[in-house]
Amino acid sequence: MKFKRQEPIGPYFVDFVCHLKKLIIELDGGHHGEEDQIKYDQIRTEFLERQGYKVIRFWNAEVFTNIEGVLEALFQEIFGSGQSFAKVDG
């Protein structure tokens, strides 16, 4: 799958997008837990979903501390829950 980084969609820039799968990946820092940012992210996600995209989010810390879990979640999202990254990787 081909992902583009910092791609504009409407008035927003998304972290990563795969147009073929209509999948957006957002990597969130700590400020995304603040009330104002949560509301903004919700409005933004609703807009992107109206454009036909699915938005999945991971915390930045998750990428650093649980990369296997993040990759597994992405693999299942792209290829279906019957598939496993561990089976392909190992």
PDB file of N, CA and C in Angstrom:
ATOM      1  N   MET A   1       0.837  -1.170   0.000  1.00  0.00           N
ATOM      2  CA  MET A   1       0.000   0.000   0.000  1.00  0.00           C
ATOM      3  C   MET A   1       0.888   1.241   0.000  1.00  0.00           C
ATOM      4  N   LYS A   2       0.463   2.226  -0.728  1.00  0.00           N
ATOM      5  CA  LYS A   2       1.212   3.477  -0.784  1.00  0.00           C
ATOM      6  C   LYS A   2       0.551   4.502   0.134  1.00  0.00           C
ATOM      7  N   PHE A   3       1.351   5.055   1.038  1.00  0.00           N
ATOM      8  CA  PHE A   3       0.878   6.110   1.936  1.00  0.00           C
ATOM      9  C   PHE A   3       1.601   7.399   1.594  1.00  0.00           C
ATOM     10  N   LYS A   4       0.867   8.495   1.674  1.00  0.00           N
ATOM     11  CA  LYS A   4       1.457   9.815   1.514  1.00  0.00           C
ATOM     12  C   LYS A   4       1.465  10.487   2.876  1.00  0.00           C
ATOM     13  N   ARG A   5       2.491  11.299   3.103  1.00  0.00           N
ATOM     14  CA  ARG A   5       2.671  11.983   4.379  1.00  0.00           C
ATOM     15  C   ARG A   5       2.297  13.453   4.232  1.00  0.00           C
ATOM     16  N   GLN A   6       1.636  13.989   5.259  1.00  0.00           N
ATOM     17  CA  GLN A   6       1.244  15.402   5.300  1.00  0.00           C
ATOM     18  C   GLN A   6       0.492  15.803   4.023  1.00  0.00           C
ATOM     19  N   GLU A   7      -0.562  15.051   3.750  1.00  0.00           N
ATOM     20  CA  GLU A   7      -1.363  15.229   2.540  1.00  0.00           C
ATOM     21  C   GLU A   7      -2.574  16.116   2.859  1.00  0.00           C
ATOM     22  N   PRO A   8      -2.845  17.122   2.031  1.00  0.00           N
ATOM     23  CA  PRO A   8      -4.040  17.932   2.270  1.00  0.00           C
ATOM     24  C   PRO A   8      -5.299  17.203   1.817  1.00  0.00           C
ATOM     25  N   ILE A   9      -6.314  17.254   2.662  1.00  0.00           N
ATOM     26  CA  ILE A   9      -7.649  16.770   2.320  1.00  0.00           C
ATOM     27  C   ILE A   9      -8.613  17.840   2.806  1.00  0.00           C
ATOM     28  N   GLY A  10      -9.233  18.508   1.865  1.00  0.00           N
ATOM     29  CA  GLY A  10     -10.071  19.646   2.224  1.00  0.00           C
ATOM     30  C   GLY A  10      -9.216  20.684   2.921  1.00  0.00           C
ATOM     31  N   PRO A  11      -9.711  21.246   4.023  1.00  0.00           N
ATOM     32  CA  PRO A  11      -8.949  22.284   4.727  1.00  0.00           C
ATOM     33  C   PRO A  11      -7.908  21.736   5.702  1.00  0.00           C
ATOM     34  N   TYR A  12      -7.742  20.421   5.737  1.00  0.00           N
ATOM     35  CA  TYR A  12      -6.873  19.786   6.728  1.00  0.00           C
ATOM     36  C   TYR A  12      -5.677  19.093   6.077  1.00  0.00           C
ATOM     37  N   PHE A  13      -4.604  18.968   6.828  1.00  0.00           N
ATOM     38  CA  PHE A  13      -3.472  18.126   6.451  1.00  0.00           C
ATOM     39  C   PHE A  13      -3.511  16.905   7.360  1.00  0.00           C
ATOM     40  N   VAL A  14      -3.418  15.716   6.763  1.00  0.00           N
ATOM     41  CA  VAL A  14      -3.421  14.490   7.556  1.00  0.00           C
ATOM     42  C   VAL A  14      -1.994  13.968   7.648  1.00  0.00           C
ATOM     43  N   ASP A  15      -1.716  13.235   8.722  1.00  0.00           N
ATOM     44  CA  ASP A  15      -0.358  12.722   8.917  1.00  0.00           C
ATOM     45  C   ASP A  15       0.013  11.743   7.805  1.00  0.00           C
ATOM     46  N   PHE A  16      -0.813  10.711   7.612  1.00  0.00           N
ATOM     47  CA  PHE A  16      -0.574   9.713   6.565  1.00  0.00           C
ATOM     48  C   PHE A  16      -1.905   9.318   5.957  1.00  0.00           C
ATOM     49  N   VAL A  17      -1.907   9.108   4.635  1.00  0.00           N
ATOM     50  CA  VAL A  17      -3.138   8.676   3.975  1.00  0.00           C
ATOM     51  C   VAL A  17      -2.815   7.663   2.888  1.00  0.00           C
ATOM     52  N   CYS A  18      -3.658   6.640   2.813  1.00  0.00           N
ATOM     53  CA  CYS A  18      -3.635   5.693   1.706  1.00  0.00           C
ATOM     54  C   CYS A  18      -4.946   5.918   0.963  1.00  0.00           C
ATOM     55  N   HIS A  19      -4.863   6.570  -0.201  1.00  0.00           N
ATOM     56  CA  HIS A  19      -6.083   6.887  -0.946  1.00  0.00           C
ATOM     57  C   HIS A  19      -6.771   5.623  -1.449  1.00  0.00           C
ATOM     58  N   LEU A  20      -5.995   4.598  -1.806  1.00  0.00           N
ATOM     59  CA  LEU A  20      -6.567   3.355  -2.316  1.00  0.00           C
ATOM     60  C   LEU A  20      -7.487   2.707  -1.283  1.00  0.00           C
ATOM     61  N   LYS A  21      -7.063   2.687  -0.026  1.00  0.00           N
ATOM     62  CA  LYS A  21      -7.850   2.081   1.055  1.00  0.00           C
ATOM     63  C   LYS A  21      -8.732   3.095   1.780  1.00  0.00           C
ATOM     64  N   LYS A  22      -8.615   4.371   1.385  1.00  0.00           N
ATOM     65  CA  LYS A  22      -9.372   5.445   2.049  1.00  0.00           C
ATOM     66  C   LYS A  22      -9.114   5.408   3.562  1.00  0.00           C
ATOM     67  N   LEU A  23      -7.826   5.307   3.909  1.00  0.00           N
ATOM     68  CA  LEU A  23      -7.404   5.163   5.293  1.00  0.00           C
ATOM     69  C   LEU A  23      -6.466   6.295   5.675  1.00  0.00           C
ATOM     70  N   ILE A  24      -6.768   6.933   6.785  1.00  0.00           N
ATOM     71  CA  ILE A  24      -5.937   8.008   7.332  1.00  0.00           C
ATOM     72  C   ILE A  24      -5.385   7.546   8.669  1.00  0.00           C
ATOM     73  N   ILE A  25      -4.085   7.747   8.859  1.00  0.00           N
ATOM     74  CA  ILE A  25      -3.429   7.428  10.120  1.00  0.00           C
ATOM     75  C   ILE A  25      -2.966   8.740  10.740  1.00  0.00           C
ATOM     76  N   GLU A  26      -3.398   8.968  11.962  1.00  0.00           N
ATOM     77  CA  GLU A  26      -2.992  10.152  12.710  1.00  0.00           C
ATOM     78  C   GLU A  26      -2.141   9.719  13.891  1.00  0.00           C
ATOM     79  N   LEU A  27      -1.027  10.385  14.088  1.00  0.00           N
ATOM     80  CA  LEU A  27      -0.153  10.158  15.240  1.00  0.00           C
ATOM     81  C   LEU A  27      -0.283  11.361  16.159  1.00  0.00           C
ATOM     82  N   ASP A  28      -0.759  11.120  17.366  1.00  0.00           N
ATOM     83  CA  ASP A  28      -1.116  12.200  18.269  1.00  0.00           C
ATOM     84  C   ASP A  28      -0.143  12.343  19.429  1.00  0.00           C
ATOM     85  N   GLY A  29       0.258  13.584  19.681  1.00  0.00           N
ATOM     86  CA  GLY A  29       1.048  13.923  20.861  1.00  0.00           C
ATOM     87  C   GLY A  29       0.130  14.206  22.035  1.00  0.00           C
ATOM     88  N   GLY A  30       0.718  14.527  23.162  1.00  0.00           N
ATOM     89  CA  GLY A  30      -0.028  14.733  24.397  1.00  0.00           C
ATOM     90  C   GLY A  30      -1.085  15.821  24.339  1.00  0.00           C
ATOM     91  N   HIS A  31      -0.863  16.843  23.524  1.00  0.00           N
ATOM     92  CA  HIS A  31      -1.832  17.947  23.468  1.00  0.00           C
ATOM     93  C   HIS A  31      -3.175  17.500  22.896  1.00  0.00           C
ATOM     94  N   HIS A  32      -3.222  16.342  22.248  1.00  0.00           N
ATOM     95  CA  HIS A  32      -4.487  15.841  21.706  1.00  0.00           C
ATOM     96  C   HIS A  32      -5.412  15.334  22.807  1.00  0.00           C
ATOM     97  N   GLY A  33      -4.915  15.266  24.032  1.00  0.00           N
ATOM     98  CA  GLY A  33      -5.745  14.894  25.162  1.00  0.00           C
ATOM     99  C   GLY A  33      -6.413  16.074  25.840  1.00  0.00           C
ATOM    100  N   GLU A  34      -6.095  17.283  25.382  1.00  0.00           N
ATOM    101  CA  GLU A  34      -6.687  18.491  25.966  1.00  0.00           C
ATOM    102  C   GLU A  34      -8.074  18.737  25.367  1.00  0.00           C
ATOM    103  N   GLU A  35      -8.964  19.279  26.192  1.00  0.00           N
ATOM    104  CA  GLU A  35     -10.378  19.422  25.824  1.00  0.00           C
ATOM    105  C   GLU A  35     -10.599  20.138  24.482  1.00  0.00           C
ATOM    106  N   ASP A  36      -9.961  21.272  24.280  1.00  0.00           N
ATOM    107  CA  ASP A  36     -10.141  22.013  23.025  1.00  0.00           C
ATOM    108  C   ASP A  36      -9.655  21.208  21.827  1.00  0.00           C
ATOM    109  N   GLN A  37      -8.535  20.511  21.986  1.00  0.00           N
ATOM    110  CA  GLN A  37      -7.993  19.721  20.888  1.00  0.00           C
ATOM    111  C   GLN A  37      -8.874  18.510  20.594  1.00  0.00           C
ATOM    112  N   ILE A  38      -9.440  17.913  21.631  1.00  0.00           N
ATOM    113  CA  ILE A  38     -10.346  16.775  21.447  1.00  0.00           C
ATOM    114  C   ILE A  38     -11.541  17.203  20.591  1.00  0.00           C
ATOM    115  N   LYS A  39     -12.111  18.360  20.889  1.00  0.00           N
ATOM    116  CA  LYS A  39     -13.256  18.872  20.114  1.00  0.00           C
ATOM    117  C   LYS A  39     -12.851  19.142  18.666  1.00  0.00           C
ATOM    118  N   TYR A  40     -11.695  19.772  18.472  1.00  0.00           N
ATOM    119  CA  TYR A  40     -11.202  20.062  17.123  1.00  0.00           C
ATOM    120  C   TYR A  40     -10.980  18.772  16.349  1.00  0.00           C
ATOM    121  N   ASP A  41     -10.338  17.785  16.993  1.00  0.00           N
ATOM    122  CA  ASP A  41     -10.067  16.506  16.339  1.00  0.00           C
ATOM    123  C   ASP A  41     -11.366  15.802  15.951  1.00  0.00           C
ATOM    124  N   GLN A  42     -12.390  15.921  16.791  1.00  0.00           N
ATOM    125  CA  GLN A  42     -13.670  15.284  16.487  1.00  0.00           C
ATOM    126  C   GLN A  42     -14.314  15.915  15.244  1.00  0.00           C
ATOM    127  N   ILE A  43     -14.306  17.231  15.171  1.00  0.00           N
ATOM    128  CA  ILE A  43     -14.856  17.937  14.001  1.00  0.00           C
ATOM    129  C   ILE A  43     -14.067  17.554  12.748  1.00  0.00           C
ATOM    130  N   ARG A  44     -12.775  17.531  12.880  1.00  0.00           N
ATOM    131  CA  ARG A  44     -11.880  17.180  11.764  1.00  0.00           C
ATOM    132  C   ARG A  44     -12.128  15.746  11.297  1.00  0.00           C
ATOM    133  N   THR A  45     -12.224  14.813  12.244  1.00  0.00           N
ATOM    134  CA  THR A  45     -12.476  13.413  11.910  1.00  0.00           C
ATOM    135  C   THR A  45     -13.827  13.260  11.223  1.00  0.00           C
ATOM    136  N   GLU A  46     -14.846  13.935  11.720  1.00  0.00           N
ATOM    137  CA  GLU A  46     -16.175  13.862  11.092  1.00  0.00           C
ATOM    138  C   GLU A  46     -16.128  14.361   9.652  1.00  0.00           C
ATOM    139  N   PHE A  47     -15.390  15.432   9.390  1.00  0.00           N
ATOM    140  CA  PHE A  47     -15.243  15.935   8.024  1.00  0.00           C
ATOM    141  C   PHE A  47     -14.574  14.877   7.148  1.00  0.00           C
ATOM    142  N   LEU A  48     -13.466  14.310   7.628  1.00  0.00           N
ATOM    143  CA  LEU A  48     -12.721  13.324   6.845  1.00  0.00           C
ATOM    144  C   LEU A  48     -13.559  12.074   6.582  1.00  0.00           C
ATOM    145  N   GLU A  49     -14.341  11.665   7.562  1.00  0.00           N
ATOM    146  CA  GLU A  49     -15.214  10.508   7.375  1.00  0.00           C
ATOM    147  C   GLU A  49     -16.317  10.804   6.348  1.00  0.00           C
ATOM    148  N   ARG A  50     -16.807  12.023   6.317  1.00  0.00           N
ATOM    149  CA  ARG A  50     -17.802  12.405   5.293  1.00  0.00           C
ATOM    150  C   ARG A  50     -17.195  12.356   3.892  1.00  0.00           C
ATOM    151  N   GLN A  51     -15.877  12.458   3.810  1.00  0.00           N
ATOM    152  CA  GLN A  51     -15.196  12.360   2.518  1.00  0.00           C
ATOM    153  C   GLN A  51     -14.939  10.892   2.147  1.00  0.00           C
ATOM    154  N   GLY A  52     -15.346   9.981   3.018  1.00  0.00           N
ATOM    155  CA  GLY A  52     -15.210   8.553   2.739  1.00  0.00           C
ATOM    156  C   GLY A  52     -13.995   7.882   3.353  1.00  0.00           C
ATOM    157  N   TYR A  53     -13.256   8.593   4.190  1.00  0.00           N
ATOM    158  CA  TYR A  53     -12.047   8.041   4.803  1.00  0.00           C
ATOM    159  C   TYR A  53     -12.354   7.450   6.175  1.00  0.00           C
ATOM    160  N   LYS A  54     -11.561   6.460   6.549  1.00  0.00           N
ATOM    161  CA  LYS A  54     -11.566   5.956   7.916  1.00  0.00           C
ATOM    162  C   LYS A  54     -10.323   6.524   8.587  1.00  0.00           C
ATOM    163  N   VAL A  55     -10.487   7.067   9.775  1.00  0.00           N
ATOM    164  CA  VAL A  55      -9.379   7.675  10.518  1.00  0.00           C
ATOM    165  C   VAL A  55      -9.046   6.783  11.705  1.00  0.00           C
ATOM    166  N   ILE A  56      -7.784   6.385  11.782  1.00  0.00           N
ATOM    167  CA  ILE A  56      -7.326   5.665  12.970  1.00  0.00           C
ATOM    168  C   ILE A  56      -6.205   6.471  13.604  1.00  0.00           C
ATOM    169  N   ARG A  57      -6.176   6.435  14.925  1.00  0.00           N
ATOM    170  CA  ARG A  57      -5.235   7.256  15.684  1.00  0.00           C
ATOM    171  C   ARG A  57      -4.376   6.394  16.597  1.00  0.00           C
ATOM    172  N   PHE A  58      -3.143   6.805  16.704  1.00  0.00           N
ATOM    173  CA  PHE A  58      -2.214   6.200  17.648  1.00  0.00           C
ATOM    174  C   PHE A  58      -1.525   7.335  18.403  1.00  0.00           C
ATOM    175  N   TRP A  59      -1.247   7.098  19.683  1.00  0.00           N
ATOM    176  CA  TRP A  59      -0.449   8.051  20.438  1.00  0.00           C
ATOM    177  C   TRP A  59       1.007   7.906  20.004  1.00  0.00           C
ATOM    178  N   ASN A  60       1.729   9.012  19.955  1.00  0.00           N
ATOM    179  CA  ASN A  60       3.155   8.969  19.618  1.00  0.00           C
ATOM    180  C   ASN A  60       3.895   7.971  20.501  1.00  0.00           C
ATOM    181  N   ALA A  61       3.602   7.981  21.789  1.00  0.00           N
ATOM    182  CA  ALA A  61       4.277   7.085  22.727  1.00  0.00           C
ATOM    183  C   ALA A  61       4.038   5.622  22.368  1.00  0.00           C
ATOM    184  N   GLU A  62       2.851   5.336  21.835  1.00  0.00           N
ATOM    185  CA  GLU A  62       2.520   3.966  21.437  1.00  0.00           C
ATOM    186  C   GLU A  62       3.452   3.480  20.323  1.00  0.00           C
ATOM    187  N   VAL A  63       3.779   4.375  19.403  1.00  0.00           N
ATOM    188  CA  VAL A  63       4.666   4.024  18.301  1.00  0.00           C
ATOM    189  C   VAL A  63       6.050   3.650  18.837  1.00  0.00           C
ATOM    190  N   PHE A  64       6.491   4.362  19.850  1.00  0.00           N
ATOM    191  CA  PHE A  64       7.822   4.108  20.410  1.00  0.00           C
ATOM    192  C   PHE A  64       7.867   2.921  21.366  1.00  0.00           C
ATOM    193  N   THR A  65       6.768   2.656  22.059  1.00  0.00           N
ATOM    194  CA  THR A  65       6.792   1.609  23.087  1.00  0.00           C
ATOM    195  C   THR A  65       6.117   0.313  22.654  1.00  0.00           C
ATOM    196  N   ASN A  66       5.312   0.360  21.586  1.00  0.00           N
ATOM    197  CA  ASN A  66       4.574  -0.829  21.156  1.00  0.00           C
ATOM    198  C   ASN A  66       4.450  -0.852  19.634  1.00  0.00           C
ATOM    199  N   ILE A  67       5.559  -0.744  18.941  1.00  0.00           N
ATOM    200  CA  ILE A  67       5.520  -0.681  17.479  1.00  0.00           C
ATOM    201  C   ILE A  67       4.903  -1.951  16.889  1.00  0.00           C
ATOM    202  N   GLU A  68       5.138  -3.102  17.495  1.00  0.00           N
ATOM    203  CA  GLU A  68       4.549  -4.343  16.973  1.00  0.00           C
ATOM    204  C   GLU A  68       3.027  -4.275  17.028  1.00  0.00           C
ATOM    205  N   GLY A  69       2.494  -3.762  18.126  1.00  0.00           N
ATOM    206  CA  GLY A  69       1.037  -3.627  18.257  1.00  0.00           C
ATOM    207  C   GLY A  69       0.462  -2.647  17.256  1.00  0.00           C
ATOM    208  N   VAL A  70       1.166  -1.545  17.025  1.00  0.00           N
ATOM    209  CA  VAL A  70       0.730  -0.556  16.037  1.00  0.00           C
ATOM    210  C   VAL A  70       0.744  -1.167  14.644  1.00  0.00           C
ATOM    211  N   LEU A  71       1.835  -1.852  14.308  1.00  0.00           N
ATOM    212  CA  LEU A  71       1.929  -2.488  12.990  1.00  0.00           C
ATOM    213  C   LEU A  71       0.863  -3.555  12.810  1.00  0.00           C
ATOM    214  N   GLU A  72       0.588  -4.314  13.857  1.00  0.00           N
ATOM    215  CA  GLU A  72      -0.454  -5.344  13.787  1.00  0.00           C
ATOM    216  C   GLU A  72      -1.815  -4.699  13.532  1.00  0.00           C
ATOM    217  N   ALA A  73      -2.113  -3.628  14.239  1.00  0.00           N
ATOM    218  CA  ALA A  73      -3.387  -2.938  14.038  1.00  0.00           C
ATOM    219  C   ALA A  73      -3.503  -2.401  12.616  1.00  0.00           C
ATOM    220  N   LEU A  74      -2.424  -1.830  12.098  1.00  0.00           N
ATOM    221  CA  LEU A  74      -2.430  -1.312  10.727  1.00  0.00           C
ATOM    222  C   LEU A  74      -2.583  -2.446   9.720  1.00  0.00           C
ATOM    223  N   PHE A  75      -1.858  -3.524   9.928  1.00  0.00           N
ATOM    224  CA  PHE A  75      -1.929  -4.664   9.018  1.00  0.00           C
ATOM    225  C   PHE A  75      -3.353  -5.208   8.958  1.00  0.00           C
ATOM    226  N   GLN A  76      -3.978  -5.372  10.115  1.00  0.00           N
ATOM    227  CA  GLN A  76      -5.344  -5.882  10.154  1.00  0.00           C
ATOM    228  C   GLN A  76      -6.324  -4.914   9.519  1.00  0.00           C
ATOM    229  N   GLU A  77      -6.101  -3.633   9.695  1.00  0.00           N
ATOM    230  CA  GLU A  77      -6.965  -2.624   9.090  1.00  0.00           C
ATOM    231  C   GLU A  77      -6.873  -2.681   7.564  1.00  0.00           C
ATOM    232  N   ILE A  78      -5.679  -2.878   7.055  1.00  0.00           N
ATOM    233  CA  ILE A  78      -5.462  -2.873   5.608  1.00  0.00           C
ATOM    234  C   ILE A  78      -5.865  -4.201   4.966  1.00  0.00           C
ATOM    235  N   PHE A  79      -5.480  -5.307   5.593  1.00  0.00           N
ATOM    236  CA  PHE A  79      -5.659  -6.614   4.964  1.00  0.00           C
ATOM    237  C   PHE A  79      -6.787  -7.448   5.559  1.00  0.00           C
ATOM    238  N   GLY A  80      -7.397  -6.991   6.647  1.00  0.00           N
ATOM    239  CA  GLY A  80      -8.495  -7.720   7.254  1.00  0.00           C
ATOM    240  C   GLY A  80      -8.073  -8.413   8.527  1.00  0.00           C
ATOM    241  N   SER A  81      -9.043  -8.647   9.395  1.00  0.00           N
ATOM    242  CA  SER A  81      -8.736  -9.181  10.713  1.00  0.00           C
ATOM    243  C   SER A  81      -8.302 -10.636  10.681  1.00  0.00           C
ATOM    244  N   GLY A  82      -8.537 -11.344   9.573  1.00  0.00           N
ATOM    245  CA  GLY A  82      -8.089 -12.728   9.463  1.00  0.00           C
ATOM    246  C   GLY A  82      -6.612 -12.858   9.187  1.00  0.00           C
ATOM    247  N   GLN A  83      -5.968 -11.760   8.863  1.00  0.00           N
ATOM    248  CA  GLN A  83      -4.533 -11.745   8.575  1.00  0.00           C
ATOM    249  C   GLN A  83      -3.768 -11.313   9.812  1.00  0.00           C
ATOM    250  N   SER A  84      -2.494 -11.631   9.859  1.00  0.00           N
ATOM    251  CA  SER A  84      -1.661 -11.209  10.983  1.00  0.00           C
ATOM    252  C   SER A  84      -0.290 -10.790  10.491  1.00  0.00           C
ATOM    253  N   PHE A  85       0.160  -9.645  10.941  1.00  0.00           N
ATOM    254  CA  PHE A  85       1.501  -9.165  10.631  1.00  0.00           C
ATOM    255  C   PHE A  85       2.545 -10.146  11.139  1.00  0.00           C
ATOM    256  N   ALA A  86       2.316 -10.731  12.315  1.00  0.00           N
ATOM    257  CA  ALA A  86       3.276 -11.658  12.909  1.00  0.00           C
ATOM    258  C   ALA A  86       3.496 -12.878  12.025  1.00  0.00           C
ATOM    259  N   LYS A  87       2.433 -13.355  11.354  1.00  0.00           N
ATOM    260  CA  LYS A  87       2.565 -14.514  10.479  1.00  0.00           C
ATOM    261  C   LYS A  87       3.408 -14.192   9.255  1.00  0.00           C
ATOM    262  N   VAL A  88       3.257 -12.973   8.731  1.00  0.00           N
ATOM    263  CA  VAL A  88       4.031 -12.557   7.552  1.00  0.00           C
ATOM    264  C   VAL A  88       5.455 -12.253   7.954  1.00  0.00           C
ATOM    265  N   ASP A  89       5.628 -11.560   9.076  1.00  0.00           N
ATOM    266  CA  ASP A  89       6.940 -11.106   9.535  1.00  0.00           C
ATOM    267  C   ASP A  89       7.793 -12.270  10.046  1.00  0.00           C
ATOM    268  N   GLY A  90       7.185 -13.221  10.737  1.00  0.00           N
ATOM    269  CA  GLY A  90       7.964 -14.270  11.388  1.00  0.00           C
ATOM    270  C   GLY A  90       7.990 -15.497  10.564  1.00  0.00           C
TER     271      GLY A  90
END
